[in-house]
N, C-alpha and C. Protein backbone atom coordinates (compact mmCIF):
# COMPACT_ATOMS: atom_id res chain seq x y z
N MET A 1 -100.23 170.68 3.05
CA MET A 1 -100.69 171.05 4.29
C MET A 1 -101.31 169.93 5.01
N GLN A 2 -100.87 169.76 6.33
CA GLN A 2 -101.44 168.58 6.99
C GLN A 2 -102.84 168.78 7.39
N PRO A 3 -103.77 167.83 7.37
CA PRO A 3 -105.08 167.97 7.69
C PRO A 3 -105.26 168.31 9.17
N LYS A 4 -106.40 169.08 9.49
CA LYS A 4 -106.57 169.43 10.86
C LYS A 4 -107.74 168.66 11.39
N PHE A 5 -107.71 168.24 12.66
CA PHE A 5 -108.79 167.44 13.14
C PHE A 5 -109.21 168.07 14.48
N THR A 6 -110.53 167.87 14.74
CA THR A 6 -111.00 168.24 16.11
C THR A 6 -111.09 166.94 17.01
N VAL A 7 -110.59 166.91 18.15
CA VAL A 7 -110.59 165.77 18.97
C VAL A 7 -111.42 166.02 20.23
N GLN A 8 -112.29 165.18 20.51
CA GLN A 8 -113.06 165.19 21.69
C GLN A 8 -112.62 164.15 22.59
N ILE A 9 -112.31 164.39 23.81
CA ILE A 9 -112.03 163.32 24.93
C ILE A 9 -113.26 162.84 25.57
N ASP A 10 -113.84 161.72 25.00
CA ASP A 10 -114.95 161.09 25.59
C ASP A 10 -114.81 160.45 26.91
N SER A 11 -113.67 159.96 27.19
CA SER A 11 -113.50 159.26 28.53
C SER A 11 -111.95 159.21 28.76
N PHE A 12 -111.63 159.42 30.05
CA PHE A 12 -110.33 159.41 30.53
C PHE A 12 -110.23 158.46 31.84
N LYS A 13 -109.44 157.44 31.85
CA LYS A 13 -109.35 156.66 33.08
C LYS A 13 -107.92 156.27 33.22
N LYS A 14 -107.55 156.37 34.52
CA LYS A 14 -106.12 155.90 34.86
C LYS A 14 -106.24 154.38 35.15
N ILE A 15 -105.25 153.59 34.68
CA ILE A 15 -105.20 152.09 34.79
C ILE A 15 -104.07 151.79 35.61
N LYS A 16 -104.14 150.56 36.23
CA LYS A 16 -102.97 149.98 36.94
C LYS A 16 -102.53 148.70 36.30
N GLN A 17 -103.32 148.20 35.31
CA GLN A 17 -103.08 146.99 34.65
C GLN A 17 -103.74 146.85 33.36
N ILE A 18 -103.41 146.05 32.58
CA ILE A 18 -104.17 145.75 31.36
C ILE A 18 -104.81 144.45 31.47
N ASP A 19 -106.16 144.31 31.31
CA ASP A 19 -106.82 143.28 31.52
C ASP A 19 -106.34 142.15 30.39
N ASN A 20 -106.41 140.97 30.81
CA ASN A 20 -105.98 139.75 29.98
C ASN A 20 -104.58 139.94 29.43
N ALA A 21 -103.66 140.57 30.06
CA ALA A 21 -102.30 140.73 29.60
C ALA A 21 -101.56 139.44 29.69
N TRP A 22 -101.93 138.47 30.58
CA TRP A 22 -101.27 137.29 30.79
C TRP A 22 -102.24 136.08 30.37
N SER A 23 -101.67 135.21 29.65
CA SER A 23 -102.36 134.11 29.02
C SER A 23 -101.81 132.75 29.83
N ASP A 24 -102.63 131.65 29.78
CA ASP A 24 -102.14 130.34 30.34
C ASP A 24 -100.76 129.99 29.79
N SER A 25 -100.53 130.31 28.57
CA SER A 25 -99.16 129.96 28.11
C SER A 25 -98.04 130.69 28.70
N ASP A 26 -98.33 131.97 29.07
CA ASP A 26 -97.44 132.73 29.76
C ASP A 26 -97.09 132.22 31.17
N TYR A 27 -98.13 131.87 31.83
CA TYR A 27 -97.86 131.32 33.22
C TYR A 27 -97.16 129.99 33.15
N LYS A 28 -97.51 129.07 32.12
CA LYS A 28 -96.70 127.84 32.01
C LYS A 28 -95.29 128.19 31.70
N ALA A 29 -95.10 129.06 30.78
CA ALA A 29 -93.63 129.35 30.45
C ALA A 29 -92.76 129.92 31.67
N MET A 30 -93.47 130.71 32.34
CA MET A 30 -92.75 131.23 33.61
C MET A 30 -92.64 130.15 34.66
N LEU A 31 -93.57 129.17 34.91
CA LEU A 31 -93.48 128.13 35.79
C LEU A 31 -92.40 127.29 35.32
N ALA A 32 -92.20 127.01 34.03
CA ALA A 32 -91.16 126.13 33.50
C ALA A 32 -89.83 126.70 33.80
N LEU A 33 -89.57 128.11 33.84
CA LEU A 33 -88.39 128.83 34.18
C LEU A 33 -88.09 128.60 35.61
N MET A 34 -89.12 128.35 36.40
CA MET A 34 -88.94 128.10 37.82
C MET A 34 -88.89 126.64 38.19
N GLY A 35 -88.75 125.83 37.19
CA GLY A 35 -88.63 124.32 37.44
C GLY A 35 -89.83 123.50 37.53
N PHE A 36 -90.98 124.13 37.06
CA PHE A 36 -92.22 123.33 37.06
C PHE A 36 -92.52 123.05 35.62
N ASP A 37 -92.41 121.66 35.23
CA ASP A 37 -92.55 121.21 33.89
C ASP A 37 -93.79 120.16 33.83
N ASP A 38 -93.85 119.40 34.62
CA ASP A 38 -94.78 118.23 34.45
C ASP A 38 -96.22 118.40 34.91
N ASP A 39 -96.47 119.04 36.02
CA ASP A 39 -97.75 119.10 36.60
C ASP A 39 -98.71 120.27 36.18
N VAL A 40 -98.32 121.06 35.22
CA VAL A 40 -99.03 122.27 34.88
C VAL A 40 -100.15 122.03 33.86
N GLU A 41 -99.98 121.01 32.97
CA GLU A 41 -100.90 120.83 31.85
C GLU A 41 -102.33 120.67 32.40
N ALA A 42 -102.58 119.98 33.47
CA ALA A 42 -103.86 119.70 33.93
C ALA A 42 -104.50 120.83 34.82
N MET A 43 -103.82 121.77 35.01
CA MET A 43 -104.31 123.00 35.88
C MET A 43 -105.20 123.85 35.01
N SER A 44 -106.18 124.42 35.70
CA SER A 44 -107.05 125.41 35.20
C SER A 44 -106.41 126.84 35.13
N SER A 45 -107.12 127.78 34.54
CA SER A 45 -106.35 129.03 34.32
C SER A 45 -106.08 129.67 35.70
N SER A 46 -107.03 129.61 36.51
CA SER A 46 -106.92 130.22 37.96
C SER A 46 -105.84 129.54 38.77
N GLU A 47 -105.69 128.08 38.51
CA GLU A 47 -104.66 127.33 39.25
C GLU A 47 -103.28 127.70 38.79
N LEU A 48 -103.15 127.88 37.50
CA LEU A 48 -101.95 128.23 36.87
C LEU A 48 -101.36 129.61 37.37
N ARG A 49 -102.39 130.55 37.39
CA ARG A 49 -101.99 131.95 38.02
C ARG A 49 -101.54 131.86 39.39
N ASP A 50 -102.42 131.16 40.17
CA ASP A 50 -102.09 131.05 41.60
C ASP A 50 -100.74 130.35 41.89
N MET A 51 -100.48 129.30 41.10
CA MET A 51 -99.18 128.66 41.33
C MET A 51 -98.05 129.45 40.91
N CYS A 52 -98.13 130.22 39.83
CA CYS A 52 -97.15 131.17 39.29
C CYS A 52 -96.86 132.20 40.50
N MET A 53 -97.95 132.83 41.04
CA MET A 53 -97.67 133.88 41.94
C MET A 53 -97.04 133.28 43.22
N MET A 54 -97.46 132.17 43.65
CA MET A 54 -96.91 131.48 44.84
C MET A 54 -95.40 131.19 44.55
N SER A 55 -95.09 130.73 43.38
CA SER A 55 -93.64 130.32 43.04
C SER A 55 -92.77 131.62 42.94
N PHE A 56 -93.41 132.83 42.53
CA PHE A 56 -92.68 134.04 42.61
C PHE A 56 -92.13 134.19 44.14
N ASN A 57 -93.01 133.89 44.94
CA ASN A 57 -92.61 134.29 46.38
C ASN A 57 -91.57 133.33 46.96
N ASP A 58 -91.22 132.26 46.20
CA ASP A 58 -90.12 131.42 46.62
C ASP A 58 -88.80 132.09 46.12
N GLN A 59 -88.85 133.09 45.29
CA GLN A 59 -87.69 133.88 44.84
C GLN A 59 -87.57 135.18 45.52
N THR A 60 -86.45 135.78 45.30
CA THR A 60 -86.25 137.22 45.76
C THR A 60 -87.02 138.08 44.71
N PRO A 61 -87.44 139.32 45.04
CA PRO A 61 -88.12 140.16 44.05
C PRO A 61 -87.27 140.33 42.72
N GLN A 62 -85.91 140.40 42.92
CA GLN A 62 -85.08 140.63 41.67
C GLN A 62 -85.08 139.27 40.85
N GLU A 63 -84.94 138.14 41.63
CA GLU A 63 -85.09 136.87 40.82
C GLU A 63 -86.36 136.66 40.13
N ALA A 64 -87.48 137.05 40.69
CA ALA A 64 -88.77 136.92 40.14
C ALA A 64 -88.81 137.86 38.92
N ALA A 65 -88.35 139.09 39.02
CA ALA A 65 -88.38 139.97 37.91
C ALA A 65 -87.52 139.38 36.79
N ALA A 66 -86.39 138.75 37.14
CA ALA A 66 -85.51 138.27 35.97
C ALA A 66 -86.37 137.14 35.30
N ILE A 67 -87.15 136.29 36.09
CA ILE A 67 -87.90 135.34 35.33
C ILE A 67 -88.91 135.79 34.37
N VAL A 68 -89.65 136.82 34.82
CA VAL A 68 -90.67 137.45 34.01
C VAL A 68 -89.94 138.12 32.71
N LEU A 69 -88.90 138.87 32.94
CA LEU A 69 -88.19 139.45 31.82
C LEU A 69 -87.59 138.37 30.91
N THR A 70 -87.09 137.27 31.40
CA THR A 70 -86.59 136.31 30.44
C THR A 70 -87.72 135.73 29.62
N HIS A 71 -88.91 135.71 30.16
CA HIS A 71 -89.98 135.07 29.40
C HIS A 71 -90.40 136.20 28.28
N LEU A 72 -90.54 137.45 28.78
CA LEU A 72 -91.12 138.45 27.96
C LEU A 72 -90.13 138.87 26.73
N PHE A 73 -88.90 138.87 27.09
CA PHE A 73 -87.84 139.34 26.18
C PHE A 73 -86.71 138.29 25.90
N PRO A 74 -86.98 137.29 25.20
CA PRO A 74 -86.01 136.29 25.00
C PRO A 74 -84.74 136.69 24.25
N GLU A 75 -84.82 137.85 23.59
CA GLU A 75 -83.79 138.43 22.78
C GLU A 75 -82.72 139.05 23.66
N LEU A 76 -83.05 139.38 24.92
CA LEU A 76 -82.05 139.99 25.86
C LEU A 76 -81.04 139.06 26.41
N THR A 77 -79.88 139.53 26.55
CA THR A 77 -78.89 138.73 27.19
C THR A 77 -79.04 138.54 28.73
N GLU A 78 -78.50 137.48 29.34
CA GLU A 78 -78.69 137.36 30.73
C GLU A 78 -78.15 138.59 31.48
N GLY A 79 -77.22 139.11 31.02
CA GLY A 79 -76.60 140.28 31.75
C GLY A 79 -77.55 141.49 31.63
N LYS A 80 -78.25 141.62 30.63
CA LYS A 80 -79.14 142.74 30.41
C LYS A 80 -80.41 142.44 31.24
N VAL A 81 -80.86 141.27 31.28
CA VAL A 81 -82.03 140.90 32.12
C VAL A 81 -81.62 141.24 33.63
N ASP A 82 -80.46 140.76 34.02
CA ASP A 82 -80.05 141.08 35.45
C ASP A 82 -80.03 142.50 35.77
N GLN A 83 -79.53 143.33 34.91
CA GLN A 83 -79.54 144.78 34.96
C GLN A 83 -80.97 145.35 35.05
N ILE A 84 -81.72 145.10 34.25
CA ILE A 84 -83.16 145.60 34.32
C ILE A 84 -83.95 145.11 35.48
N SER A 85 -83.82 143.81 35.86
CA SER A 85 -84.52 143.27 36.97
C SER A 85 -84.06 144.00 38.34
N HIS A 86 -82.77 144.37 38.33
CA HIS A 86 -82.21 145.06 39.40
C HIS A 86 -82.75 146.52 39.48
N ASP A 87 -82.75 147.21 38.26
CA ASP A 87 -83.22 148.58 38.24
C ASP A 87 -84.70 148.67 38.50
N MET A 88 -85.40 147.50 38.20
CA MET A 88 -86.90 147.61 38.45
C MET A 88 -87.35 147.92 39.86
N LEU A 89 -86.37 147.60 40.73
CA LEU A 89 -86.80 147.65 42.30
C LEU A 89 -86.88 149.19 42.56
N ASP A 90 -86.16 150.02 41.84
CA ASP A 90 -86.22 151.40 42.13
C ASP A 90 -86.63 152.37 41.03
N ASP A 91 -86.71 151.92 39.76
CA ASP A 91 -87.05 152.77 38.66
C ASP A 91 -88.42 152.28 38.16
N ARG A 92 -88.83 153.26 37.21
CA ARG A 92 -90.13 153.10 36.60
C ARG A 92 -89.80 152.73 35.14
N ALA A 93 -89.48 151.49 34.92
CA ALA A 93 -88.98 151.11 33.53
C ALA A 93 -89.94 151.16 32.54
N TRP A 94 -91.36 151.07 32.90
CA TRP A 94 -92.30 151.10 31.82
C TRP A 94 -92.40 152.59 31.21
N GLU A 95 -91.63 153.52 31.94
CA GLU A 95 -91.59 154.93 31.42
C GLU A 95 -90.14 155.16 30.98
N GLN A 96 -89.16 154.66 31.71
CA GLN A 96 -87.79 154.99 31.50
C GLN A 96 -86.95 154.20 30.68
N TYR A 97 -87.32 153.02 30.30
CA TYR A 97 -86.41 152.15 29.45
C TYR A 97 -86.29 152.81 28.17
N PRO A 98 -84.96 152.85 27.70
CA PRO A 98 -84.68 153.56 26.53
C PRO A 98 -85.56 153.24 25.20
N ASN A 99 -85.76 151.91 25.15
CA ASN A 99 -86.51 151.41 23.91
C ASN A 99 -88.05 151.36 24.33
N CYS A 100 -88.80 152.35 23.72
CA CYS A 100 -90.25 152.44 24.31
C CYS A 100 -91.12 151.17 23.80
N LEU A 101 -90.51 150.51 22.86
CA LEU A 101 -91.30 149.27 22.41
C LEU A 101 -91.31 148.16 23.44
N TYR A 102 -90.64 148.36 24.51
CA TYR A 102 -90.68 147.40 25.66
C TYR A 102 -91.62 147.91 26.72
N HIS A 103 -92.11 149.09 26.62
CA HIS A 103 -92.91 149.72 27.68
C HIS A 103 -94.17 148.95 28.09
N GLU A 104 -95.02 148.57 27.12
CA GLU A 104 -96.25 147.93 27.43
C GLU A 104 -95.92 146.64 28.17
N SER A 105 -94.97 145.82 27.83
CA SER A 105 -94.70 144.52 28.45
C SER A 105 -94.13 144.75 29.85
N LEU A 106 -93.25 145.88 30.00
CA LEU A 106 -92.75 146.29 31.30
C LEU A 106 -93.99 146.67 32.15
N PHE A 107 -94.90 147.43 31.66
CA PHE A 107 -96.04 147.89 32.49
C PHE A 107 -96.80 146.64 33.14
N SER A 108 -96.95 145.72 32.23
CA SER A 108 -97.66 144.50 32.64
C SER A 108 -96.87 143.58 33.72
N ALA A 109 -95.48 143.60 33.43
CA ALA A 109 -94.56 142.97 34.32
C ALA A 109 -94.60 143.62 35.77
N TYR A 110 -94.60 144.91 35.80
CA TYR A 110 -94.69 145.60 37.14
C TYR A 110 -96.01 145.28 37.82
N ALA A 111 -97.11 145.26 37.09
CA ALA A 111 -98.33 144.93 37.71
C ALA A 111 -98.40 143.67 38.24
N LEU A 112 -97.93 142.60 37.59
CA LEU A 112 -97.87 141.21 38.02
C LEU A 112 -96.99 141.17 39.28
N LEU A 113 -95.80 141.67 39.23
CA LEU A 113 -94.74 141.59 40.23
C LEU A 113 -95.29 142.38 41.50
N ARG A 114 -95.86 143.55 41.20
CA ARG A 114 -96.31 144.32 42.45
C ARG A 114 -97.38 143.53 43.18
N GLU A 115 -98.25 142.87 42.50
CA GLU A 115 -99.26 141.98 43.23
C GLU A 115 -98.57 140.93 43.96
N ALA A 116 -97.56 140.20 43.30
CA ALA A 116 -96.95 139.08 43.98
C ALA A 116 -96.12 139.42 45.15
N PHE A 117 -95.53 140.60 45.22
CA PHE A 117 -94.68 141.07 46.35
C PHE A 117 -95.29 142.25 47.05
N ASN A 118 -96.60 142.38 47.03
CA ASN A 118 -97.33 143.27 47.86
C ASN A 118 -96.71 144.72 47.93
N GLY A 119 -96.53 145.26 46.74
CA GLY A 119 -96.08 146.59 46.67
C GLY A 119 -94.63 146.91 46.63
N THR A 120 -93.85 145.84 46.56
CA THR A 120 -92.33 146.07 46.57
C THR A 120 -91.95 146.75 45.21
N PHE A 121 -92.71 146.56 44.12
CA PHE A 121 -92.40 147.20 42.91
C PHE A 121 -93.28 148.46 42.76
N ALA A 122 -92.89 149.47 42.04
CA ALA A 122 -93.68 150.63 41.80
C ALA A 122 -95.09 150.37 41.12
N GLN A 123 -95.97 151.14 41.54
CA GLN A 123 -97.39 151.03 40.95
C GLN A 123 -97.35 151.52 39.47
N PRO A 124 -97.51 150.65 38.52
CA PRO A 124 -97.54 151.25 37.14
C PRO A 124 -98.65 152.15 36.85
N THR A 125 -98.55 153.19 36.06
CA THR A 125 -99.60 154.17 35.89
C THR A 125 -99.81 154.35 34.35
N GLY A 126 -100.96 153.86 33.89
CA GLY A 126 -101.38 153.97 32.57
C GLY A 126 -102.60 154.84 32.32
N VAL A 127 -103.06 155.05 31.17
CA VAL A 127 -104.38 155.63 30.79
C VAL A 127 -105.07 154.91 29.74
N ALA A 128 -106.44 154.94 29.96
CA ALA A 128 -107.36 154.46 28.87
C ALA A 128 -108.21 155.58 28.28
N LEU A 129 -108.03 155.94 27.07
CA LEU A 129 -108.65 157.05 26.43
C LEU A 129 -109.73 156.69 25.54
N GLY A 130 -110.88 157.35 25.51
CA GLY A 130 -111.87 157.27 24.46
C GLY A 130 -111.94 158.52 23.83
N LEU A 131 -111.90 158.52 22.46
CA LEU A 131 -111.76 159.68 21.61
C LEU A 131 -112.77 159.73 20.45
N THR A 132 -113.22 160.97 20.16
CA THR A 132 -113.84 160.99 18.93
C THR A 132 -113.09 162.06 18.09
N VAL A 133 -112.70 161.58 16.83
CA VAL A 133 -111.81 162.35 16.06
C VAL A 133 -112.68 162.83 14.79
N SER A 134 -112.70 164.16 14.41
CA SER A 134 -113.51 164.64 13.32
C SER A 134 -112.61 165.43 12.39
N ALA A 135 -113.03 165.52 11.09
CA ALA A 135 -112.36 166.31 10.15
C ALA A 135 -113.38 166.98 9.26
N ALA A 136 -112.94 168.07 8.56
CA ALA A 136 -113.84 168.74 7.67
C ALA A 136 -114.09 167.85 6.41
N ASN A 137 -113.07 167.10 6.02
CA ASN A 137 -113.15 166.30 4.82
C ASN A 137 -113.00 164.71 5.10
N GLN A 138 -113.92 163.97 4.67
CA GLN A 138 -113.94 162.53 5.03
C GLN A 138 -112.46 161.91 4.60
N GLU A 139 -111.88 162.36 3.45
CA GLU A 139 -110.74 161.81 2.99
C GLU A 139 -109.55 161.99 4.11
N ASP A 140 -109.73 162.91 4.82
CA ASP A 140 -108.56 163.30 5.86
C ASP A 140 -108.51 162.09 6.86
N MET A 141 -109.63 161.36 7.04
CA MET A 141 -109.63 160.37 8.02
C MET A 141 -108.89 159.16 7.61
N GLU A 142 -108.42 159.01 6.40
CA GLU A 142 -107.89 157.96 5.77
C GLU A 142 -106.42 157.65 6.42
N ILE A 143 -105.85 158.75 7.06
CA ILE A 143 -104.58 158.42 7.62
C ILE A 143 -104.66 157.54 8.70
N PHE A 144 -105.84 157.28 9.24
CA PHE A 144 -106.00 156.35 10.36
C PHE A 144 -106.15 154.88 9.85
N ASP A 145 -106.25 154.82 8.41
CA ASP A 145 -106.38 153.48 7.72
C ASP A 145 -104.93 152.95 7.37
N THR A 146 -104.04 153.85 7.02
CA THR A 146 -102.74 153.43 6.49
C THR A 146 -101.75 153.27 7.63
N SER A 147 -101.75 154.14 8.67
CA SER A 147 -100.76 153.98 9.78
C SER A 147 -101.38 154.50 10.93
N PRO A 148 -102.45 153.69 11.52
CA PRO A 148 -103.22 154.27 12.61
C PRO A 148 -102.49 154.77 13.86
N GLN A 149 -101.56 153.92 14.37
CA GLN A 149 -100.85 154.43 15.59
C GLN A 149 -99.83 155.44 15.41
N SER A 150 -99.17 155.53 14.19
CA SER A 150 -98.37 156.73 14.04
C SER A 150 -99.28 157.95 13.85
N ALA A 151 -100.27 157.91 13.15
CA ALA A 151 -101.24 159.12 12.95
C ALA A 151 -101.87 159.46 14.34
N MET A 152 -102.19 158.58 15.16
CA MET A 152 -102.68 158.88 16.45
C MET A 152 -101.73 159.47 17.44
N VAL A 153 -100.46 159.02 17.36
CA VAL A 153 -99.48 159.58 18.33
C VAL A 153 -99.26 160.97 17.80
N ARG A 154 -99.14 161.25 16.52
CA ARG A 154 -98.87 162.68 16.05
C ARG A 154 -100.06 163.61 16.44
N LEU A 155 -101.25 163.08 16.31
CA LEU A 155 -102.40 163.81 16.67
C LEU A 155 -102.36 164.21 18.24
N LEU A 156 -102.11 163.28 19.03
CA LEU A 156 -102.09 163.48 20.57
C LEU A 156 -100.90 164.33 20.90
N ALA A 157 -99.82 164.17 20.15
CA ALA A 157 -98.75 164.94 20.53
C ALA A 157 -98.85 166.42 20.08
N ASN A 158 -99.61 166.62 18.92
CA ASN A 158 -99.73 167.94 18.56
C ASN A 158 -100.92 168.65 19.31
N GLY A 159 -101.59 167.91 20.11
CA GLY A 159 -102.62 168.41 20.96
C GLY A 159 -101.96 168.83 22.33
N GLN A 160 -100.60 168.66 22.53
CA GLN A 160 -99.90 169.18 23.76
C GLN A 160 -99.02 170.26 23.38
N SER A 161 -98.46 170.86 24.47
CA SER A 161 -97.69 172.12 24.24
C SER A 161 -96.40 171.63 23.53
N GLU A 162 -95.73 172.61 23.06
CA GLU A 162 -94.50 172.33 22.28
C GLU A 162 -93.26 171.91 23.18
N ASP A 163 -93.50 172.09 24.42
CA ASP A 163 -92.35 171.61 25.37
C ASP A 163 -92.70 170.38 26.08
N ALA A 164 -93.89 169.74 25.69
CA ALA A 164 -94.19 168.44 26.19
C ALA A 164 -93.09 167.39 25.93
N LEU A 165 -92.93 166.53 26.87
CA LEU A 165 -91.81 165.47 26.63
C LEU A 165 -91.73 164.76 25.32
N ILE A 166 -93.02 164.43 24.91
CA ILE A 166 -93.03 163.65 23.63
C ILE A 166 -92.49 164.48 22.55
N HIS A 167 -92.54 165.74 22.50
CA HIS A 167 -92.05 166.61 21.52
C HIS A 167 -90.47 166.61 21.62
N ARG A 168 -90.01 166.67 22.86
CA ARG A 168 -88.57 166.82 22.90
C ARG A 168 -87.74 165.45 22.71
N LEU A 169 -88.64 164.41 22.83
CA LEU A 169 -87.89 163.06 22.49
C LEU A 169 -88.19 162.64 21.00
N TYR A 170 -89.34 162.95 20.46
CA TYR A 170 -89.78 162.41 19.26
C TYR A 170 -90.19 163.39 18.22
N GLU A 171 -89.66 164.63 18.16
CA GLU A 171 -90.10 165.59 17.26
C GLU A 171 -89.76 165.33 15.84
N ASP A 172 -88.68 164.64 15.71
CA ASP A 172 -88.26 164.19 14.26
C ASP A 172 -89.31 163.32 13.64
N GLN A 173 -89.77 162.33 14.48
CA GLN A 173 -90.71 161.41 14.07
C GLN A 173 -92.09 161.97 13.91
N ILE A 174 -92.43 162.98 14.87
CA ILE A 174 -93.80 163.48 14.72
C ILE A 174 -93.87 164.41 13.51
N GLN A 175 -92.83 165.12 13.13
CA GLN A 175 -92.84 165.98 11.93
C GLN A 175 -92.40 165.15 10.74
N GLY A 176 -91.89 163.89 10.86
CA GLY A 176 -91.21 163.28 9.71
C GLY A 176 -92.21 162.27 9.04
N ASP A 177 -91.54 161.34 8.18
CA ASP A 177 -92.32 160.38 7.40
C ASP A 177 -92.53 159.00 7.99
N THR A 178 -91.82 158.64 9.04
CA THR A 178 -92.02 157.23 9.62
C THR A 178 -91.99 157.51 11.09
N PHE A 179 -92.69 156.75 11.82
CA PHE A 179 -92.86 156.74 13.31
C PHE A 179 -92.74 155.26 13.80
N GLU A 180 -91.50 154.72 13.78
CA GLU A 180 -91.43 153.28 14.20
C GLU A 180 -91.67 153.01 15.66
N GLU A 181 -91.49 154.13 16.41
CA GLU A 181 -91.71 153.92 17.81
C GLU A 181 -93.11 154.07 18.22
N ALA A 182 -94.11 154.32 17.40
CA ALA A 182 -95.49 154.63 17.68
C ALA A 182 -96.16 153.54 18.48
N PRO A 183 -95.86 152.19 18.11
CA PRO A 183 -96.55 151.15 18.85
C PRO A 183 -96.10 151.10 20.32
N GLY A 184 -94.91 151.68 20.65
CA GLY A 184 -94.38 151.68 21.99
C GLY A 184 -94.94 152.86 22.74
N ILE A 185 -95.69 153.83 22.11
CA ILE A 185 -96.22 154.90 22.84
C ILE A 185 -97.79 154.77 23.01
N ILE A 186 -98.44 154.26 21.80
CA ILE A 186 -99.81 153.79 21.99
C ILE A 186 -99.69 152.38 22.00
N TRP A 187 -100.05 151.80 23.07
CA TRP A 187 -99.92 150.34 23.20
C TRP A 187 -101.09 149.51 22.54
N GLN A 188 -102.27 150.00 22.63
CA GLN A 188 -103.41 149.39 22.05
C GLN A 188 -104.40 150.41 21.56
N LEU A 189 -104.78 150.39 20.35
CA LEU A 189 -105.70 151.24 19.64
C LEU A 189 -106.74 150.48 18.95
N GLN A 190 -107.99 150.84 19.25
CA GLN A 190 -109.09 150.19 18.63
C GLN A 190 -110.09 151.24 18.05
N GLN A 191 -110.36 151.09 16.77
CA GLN A 191 -111.42 151.98 16.24
C GLN A 191 -112.79 151.27 16.41
N ILE A 192 -113.74 151.99 17.09
CA ILE A 192 -114.94 151.45 17.52
C ILE A 192 -116.13 151.94 16.68
N ALA A 193 -116.06 153.01 16.04
CA ALA A 193 -117.02 153.50 15.09
C ALA A 193 -116.53 154.38 13.97
N ASP A 194 -117.12 154.32 12.83
CA ASP A 194 -116.68 155.07 11.73
C ASP A 194 -117.97 155.72 11.07
N ASN A 195 -118.01 157.08 11.31
CA ASN A 195 -119.12 157.75 10.79
C ASN A 195 -118.75 158.70 9.65
N GLY A 196 -117.83 158.24 8.79
CA GLY A 196 -117.40 159.08 7.64
C GLY A 196 -116.39 160.15 8.16
N SER A 197 -116.88 161.37 8.32
CA SER A 197 -115.89 162.45 8.69
C SER A 197 -115.59 162.46 10.12
N SER A 198 -116.01 161.47 10.98
CA SER A 198 -115.66 161.36 12.41
C SER A 198 -115.56 159.80 12.70
N ARG A 199 -114.53 159.53 13.50
CA ARG A 199 -114.44 158.10 14.10
C ARG A 199 -114.29 158.17 15.63
N GLN A 200 -114.60 157.05 16.16
CA GLN A 200 -114.29 156.85 17.60
C GLN A 200 -113.31 155.87 17.82
N PHE A 201 -112.39 156.10 18.81
CA PHE A 201 -111.33 155.31 19.16
C PHE A 201 -111.23 155.00 20.70
N ASN A 202 -110.78 153.90 20.99
CA ASN A 202 -110.24 153.54 22.33
C ASN A 202 -108.77 153.27 22.33
N LEU A 203 -108.01 153.78 23.25
CA LEU A 203 -106.53 153.50 23.22
C LEU A 203 -106.05 153.37 24.73
N MET A 204 -105.03 152.59 24.82
CA MET A 204 -104.26 152.47 26.06
C MET A 204 -102.81 152.91 25.87
N SER A 205 -102.34 153.69 26.86
CA SER A 205 -100.91 154.07 26.89
C SER A 205 -100.48 154.24 28.27
N SER A 206 -99.33 154.96 28.33
CA SER A 206 -98.74 155.36 29.72
C SER A 206 -99.22 156.78 30.05
N GLU A 207 -99.55 156.87 31.33
CA GLU A 207 -99.80 158.27 31.85
C GLU A 207 -98.67 159.18 31.40
N PHE A 208 -97.42 158.64 31.42
CA PHE A 208 -96.22 159.46 31.13
C PHE A 208 -96.49 160.24 29.82
N TRP A 209 -97.06 159.70 28.85
CA TRP A 209 -97.27 160.35 27.60
C TRP A 209 -98.50 161.28 27.51
N PHE A 210 -99.55 160.80 28.11
CA PHE A 210 -100.90 161.32 27.81
C PHE A 210 -101.72 161.72 29.03
N GLY A 211 -101.07 161.77 30.22
CA GLY A 211 -101.81 162.06 31.49
C GLY A 211 -102.29 163.65 31.45
N SER A 212 -101.69 164.42 30.62
CA SER A 212 -102.13 165.76 30.63
C SER A 212 -103.56 165.89 29.99
N PHE A 213 -104.18 164.84 29.31
CA PHE A 213 -105.46 164.99 28.88
C PHE A 213 -106.50 164.76 29.79
N GLU A 214 -106.25 164.53 31.06
CA GLU A 214 -107.26 164.25 32.14
C GLU A 214 -108.30 165.32 32.23
N ASP A 215 -107.68 166.65 32.07
CA ASP A 215 -108.59 167.82 32.19
C ASP A 215 -108.98 168.52 30.94
N VAL A 216 -108.77 167.70 29.82
CA VAL A 216 -108.97 168.32 28.42
C VAL A 216 -110.37 167.78 28.00
N GLU A 217 -111.27 168.63 27.39
CA GLU A 217 -112.40 168.14 26.81
C GLU A 217 -112.32 168.02 25.29
N THR A 218 -111.70 169.09 24.66
CA THR A 218 -111.64 169.06 23.24
C THR A 218 -110.38 169.80 22.88
N PHE A 219 -109.75 169.52 21.72
CA PHE A 219 -108.65 170.36 21.18
C PHE A 219 -108.67 170.11 19.62
N GLU A 220 -107.87 170.98 19.02
CA GLU A 220 -107.64 170.79 17.52
C GLU A 220 -106.12 170.53 17.26
N ALA A 221 -105.79 169.78 16.41
CA ALA A 221 -104.42 169.46 16.07
C ALA A 221 -104.38 168.77 14.66
N THR A 222 -103.21 168.79 14.23
CA THR A 222 -102.85 168.28 12.95
C THR A 222 -102.26 166.91 13.04
N SER A 223 -102.22 166.04 11.88
CA SER A 223 -101.58 164.84 11.94
C SER A 223 -101.37 164.35 10.60
N HIS A 224 -100.65 163.21 10.30
CA HIS A 224 -100.34 162.67 9.02
C HIS A 224 -100.01 161.29 9.19
N ALA A 225 -100.10 160.51 8.15
CA ALA A 225 -99.74 159.13 8.10
C ALA A 225 -98.31 159.01 7.82
N ASP A 226 -97.74 157.75 8.03
CA ASP A 226 -96.42 157.53 7.49
C ASP A 226 -96.33 157.42 6.02
N SER A 227 -95.16 157.75 5.54
CA SER A 227 -95.11 157.66 3.99
C SER A 227 -94.96 156.28 3.55
């Protein structure tokens, strides 16, 4: 029998970007793709960012998107990058791209490109959740030690109705022994307190998956770790 947990939603916040998603090395790499190689090493962090944003504006929105995608996903072919960069102008790829393991990076790409092009790209929508998870037995909490993201996705999925999209797309993984897609659904997960039979977590994800918790205070659900 799967352990049952009580989940209290301590905080719910909609987010449009992830703080510190982009580093100096990211900006340098994207500037290099736009032909800036020599003059960037002496720049401060703010100068690098400003130069990158200005350089995007020398491109079309689709060309700028292709530069960002080429940097983020070097494994993608040029043709695939062209396809996604074109689709980004009309679609919500941080929700709709078939491989959810790309969603967090696509979310940040939309945030950066939307700023550079003054709203040409869709506004990405994410959520930051604060949770307190409690169990009757302290040992039940150990599932968050062995496979934290898989266990948390299952917990939050089981706190939604059976017809929720996450069940329709990932029911086999929710009920099964492995959930390789879990890091693509919960982008960031941090345990901030351990009180034995209860723990506190902060997480970031897409509103697409967990926006329904905005008006929820507490619920009970089962979960389990990967085998």
